[in-house]
Amino acid sequence: MLRVIISSIIIVISLFIGFFPHTDNCGVLSALNIHDCPGWEFHIILGSLLYILAVFISQKGNFD
C-alpha cells in the first residue's frame, strides 16, 4: 500500500513538473526563494524521469 502512495505522489509531481507551463514552474521556485530557474528542457526531462521512477516503484513486485 505504501508503494502505491509513494508512486502516486511521484506521478503527481512529475505531471506538475512536465506539463505545467515553464513560467509557472519558475514562479513556484521563486516562491521557495530559488531565483535561478533551469531551462524548460530540464523540466521535461525531470518530469519524464520521475514518471518512469514511479512506474518502476509501482511495478517492483513484478521484477523480483
N, C-alpha and C. Protein backbone atom coordinates (compact mmCIF):
# COMPACT_ATOMS: atom_id res chain seq x y z
N MET A 1 0.81 -1.19 0.00
CA MET A 1 0.00 0.00 0.00
C MET A 1 0.86 1.26 0.00
N LEU A 2 1.97 1.20 0.73
CA LEU A 2 2.88 2.34 0.78
C LEU A 2 3.48 2.61 -0.60
N ARG A 3 3.74 1.54 -1.36
CA ARG A 3 4.27 1.71 -2.72
C ARG A 3 3.30 2.48 -3.60
N VAL A 4 2.02 2.21 -3.46
CA VAL A 4 1.00 2.90 -4.25
C VAL A 4 0.95 4.38 -3.89
N ILE A 5 1.04 4.69 -2.61
CA ILE A 5 1.00 6.08 -2.17
C ILE A 5 2.22 6.84 -2.67
N ILE A 6 3.41 6.24 -2.52
CA ILE A 6 4.64 6.89 -2.97
C ILE A 6 4.64 7.09 -4.47
N SER A 7 4.25 6.06 -5.23
CA SER A 7 4.24 6.20 -6.68
C SER A 7 3.19 7.21 -7.13
N SER A 8 2.07 7.31 -6.43
CA SER A 8 1.06 8.31 -6.78
C SER A 8 1.57 9.73 -6.56
N ILE A 9 2.26 9.93 -5.45
CA ILE A 9 2.83 11.26 -5.18
C ILE A 9 3.87 11.62 -6.23
N ILE A 10 4.73 10.66 -6.60
CA ILE A 10 5.76 10.93 -7.61
C ILE A 10 5.11 11.22 -8.96
N ILE A 11 4.03 10.53 -9.30
CA ILE A 11 3.35 10.79 -10.58
C ILE A 11 2.75 12.19 -10.60
N VAL A 12 2.14 12.62 -9.49
CA VAL A 12 1.58 13.97 -9.44
C VAL A 12 2.68 15.01 -9.59
N ILE A 13 3.81 14.80 -8.93
CA ILE A 13 4.93 15.73 -9.05
C ILE A 13 5.46 15.74 -10.48
N SER A 14 5.57 14.57 -11.11
CA SER A 14 6.09 14.52 -12.47
C SER A 14 5.15 15.21 -13.45
N LEU A 15 3.84 15.06 -13.25
CA LEU A 15 2.89 15.76 -14.12
C LEU A 15 2.98 17.26 -13.93
N PHE A 16 3.12 17.71 -12.68
CA PHE A 16 3.27 19.13 -12.43
C PHE A 16 4.53 19.68 -13.09
N ILE A 17 5.63 18.98 -12.94
CA ILE A 17 6.90 19.46 -13.49
C ILE A 17 6.91 19.37 -15.02
N GLY A 18 6.38 18.28 -15.57
CA GLY A 18 6.47 18.07 -17.01
C GLY A 18 5.46 18.82 -17.85
N PHE A 19 4.24 18.99 -17.34
CA PHE A 19 3.17 19.56 -18.16
C PHE A 19 2.77 20.98 -17.79
N PHE A 20 3.11 21.42 -16.60
CA PHE A 20 2.77 22.77 -16.17
C PHE A 20 3.65 23.75 -16.93
N PRO A 21 3.14 24.93 -17.30
CA PRO A 21 3.95 25.88 -18.07
C PRO A 21 5.25 26.26 -17.35
N HIS A 22 6.28 26.45 -18.13
CA HIS A 22 7.62 26.73 -17.59
C HIS A 22 7.63 27.98 -16.73
N THR A 23 6.92 29.02 -17.14
CA THR A 23 6.93 30.26 -16.36
C THR A 23 6.28 30.05 -14.99
N ASP A 24 5.26 29.22 -14.93
CA ASP A 24 4.63 28.95 -13.64
C ASP A 24 5.52 28.09 -12.75
N ASN A 25 6.26 27.15 -13.35
CA ASN A 25 7.23 26.36 -12.58
C ASN A 25 8.27 27.29 -11.96
N CYS A 26 8.74 28.27 -12.74
CA CYS A 26 9.73 29.21 -12.21
C CYS A 26 9.11 30.09 -11.13
N GLY A 27 7.82 30.38 -11.25
CA GLY A 27 7.14 31.15 -10.21
C GLY A 27 7.08 30.39 -8.90
N VAL A 28 6.86 29.08 -8.97
CA VAL A 28 6.84 28.26 -7.76
C VAL A 28 8.24 28.23 -7.14
N LEU A 29 9.27 28.12 -7.98
CA LEU A 29 10.64 28.13 -7.45
C LEU A 29 10.96 29.48 -6.81
N SER A 30 10.47 30.57 -7.40
CA SER A 30 10.70 31.89 -6.82
C SER A 30 10.02 32.01 -5.46
N ALA A 31 8.86 31.40 -5.32
CA ALA A 31 8.17 31.42 -4.03
C ALA A 31 8.96 30.66 -2.97
N LEU A 32 9.77 29.70 -3.40
CA LEU A 32 10.62 28.93 -2.48
C LEU A 32 12.00 29.55 -2.33
N ASN A 33 12.15 30.81 -2.77
CA ASN A 33 13.41 31.56 -2.71
C ASN A 33 14.52 30.93 -3.54
N ILE A 34 14.16 30.29 -4.66
CA ILE A 34 15.13 29.78 -5.62
C ILE A 34 14.94 30.60 -6.89
N HIS A 35 15.83 31.55 -7.12
CA HIS A 35 15.63 32.50 -8.20
C HIS A 35 16.33 32.12 -9.49
N ASP A 36 17.14 31.07 -9.47
CA ASP A 36 17.83 30.63 -10.68
C ASP A 36 17.05 29.45 -11.26
N CYS A 37 16.16 29.74 -12.21
CA CYS A 37 15.29 28.72 -12.78
C CYS A 37 15.99 28.00 -13.93
N PRO A 38 16.00 26.66 -13.93
CA PRO A 38 16.60 25.93 -15.04
C PRO A 38 15.74 26.06 -16.31
N GLY A 39 16.29 25.65 -17.43
CA GLY A 39 15.59 25.74 -18.70
C GLY A 39 14.41 24.79 -18.80
N TRP A 40 13.58 25.00 -19.80
CA TRP A 40 12.39 24.18 -19.98
C TRP A 40 12.75 22.74 -20.27
N GLU A 41 13.91 22.48 -20.87
CA GLU A 41 14.32 21.12 -21.16
C GLU A 41 14.50 20.31 -19.88
N PHE A 42 15.04 20.97 -18.87
CA PHE A 42 15.25 20.32 -17.57
C PHE A 42 13.92 19.88 -16.98
N HIS A 43 12.91 20.71 -17.09
CA HIS A 43 11.60 20.39 -16.53
C HIS A 43 10.98 19.18 -17.25
N ILE A 44 11.12 19.11 -18.55
CA ILE A 44 10.56 17.98 -19.30
C ILE A 44 11.31 16.69 -18.98
N ILE A 45 12.64 16.76 -18.93
CA ILE A 45 13.45 15.57 -18.63
C ILE A 45 13.19 15.10 -17.20
N LEU A 46 13.14 16.02 -16.24
CA LEU A 46 12.89 15.64 -14.86
C LEU A 46 11.49 15.04 -14.69
N GLY A 47 10.50 15.62 -15.35
CA GLY A 47 9.15 15.06 -15.28
C GLY A 47 9.09 13.66 -15.86
N SER A 48 9.78 13.42 -16.96
CA SER A 48 9.80 12.10 -17.58
C SER A 48 10.51 11.08 -16.69
N LEU A 49 11.64 11.47 -16.12
CA LEU A 49 12.38 10.56 -15.25
C LEU A 49 11.59 10.22 -13.98
N LEU A 50 10.90 11.20 -13.42
CA LEU A 50 10.10 10.92 -12.24
C LEU A 50 8.93 9.99 -12.56
N TYR A 51 8.34 10.15 -13.74
CA TYR A 51 7.25 9.27 -14.14
C TYR A 51 7.76 7.83 -14.29
N ILE A 52 8.91 7.67 -14.93
CA ILE A 52 9.49 6.33 -15.10
C ILE A 52 9.83 5.73 -13.74
N LEU A 53 10.35 6.55 -12.82
CA LEU A 53 10.64 6.08 -11.47
C LEU A 53 9.37 5.60 -10.76
N ALA A 54 8.29 6.33 -10.93
CA ALA A 54 7.02 5.93 -10.31
C ALA A 54 6.52 4.61 -10.87
N VAL A 55 6.70 4.40 -12.17
CA VAL A 55 6.29 3.12 -12.78
C VAL A 55 7.13 1.98 -12.22
N PHE A 56 8.44 2.18 -12.10
CA PHE A 56 9.29 1.14 -11.53
C PHE A 56 8.93 0.84 -10.08
N ILE A 57 8.62 1.87 -9.30
CA ILE A 57 8.25 1.65 -7.90
C ILE A 57 6.94 0.88 -7.82
N SER A 58 5.96 1.26 -8.63
CA SER A 58 4.65 0.58 -8.55
C SER A 58 4.71 -0.84 -9.07
N GLN A 59 5.63 -1.15 -9.98
CA GLN A 59 5.74 -2.49 -10.55
C GLN A 59 6.86 -3.30 -9.95
N LYS A 60 7.43 -2.86 -8.83
CA LYS A 60 8.58 -3.53 -8.24
C LYS A 60 8.31 -5.00 -7.94
N GLY A 61 7.12 -5.37 -7.55
CA GLY A 61 6.79 -6.75 -7.24
C GLY A 61 6.94 -7.68 -8.43
N ASN A 62 6.80 -7.15 -9.63
CA ASN A 62 6.93 -7.98 -10.83
C ASN A 62 8.39 -8.22 -11.22
N PHE A 63 9.32 -7.43 -10.68
CA PHE A 63 10.73 -7.57 -11.02
C PHE A 63 11.44 -8.58 -10.12
N ASP A 64 10.90 -8.86 -8.94
CA ASP A 64 11.56 -9.77 -8.00
C ASP A 64 11.44 -11.21 -8.43
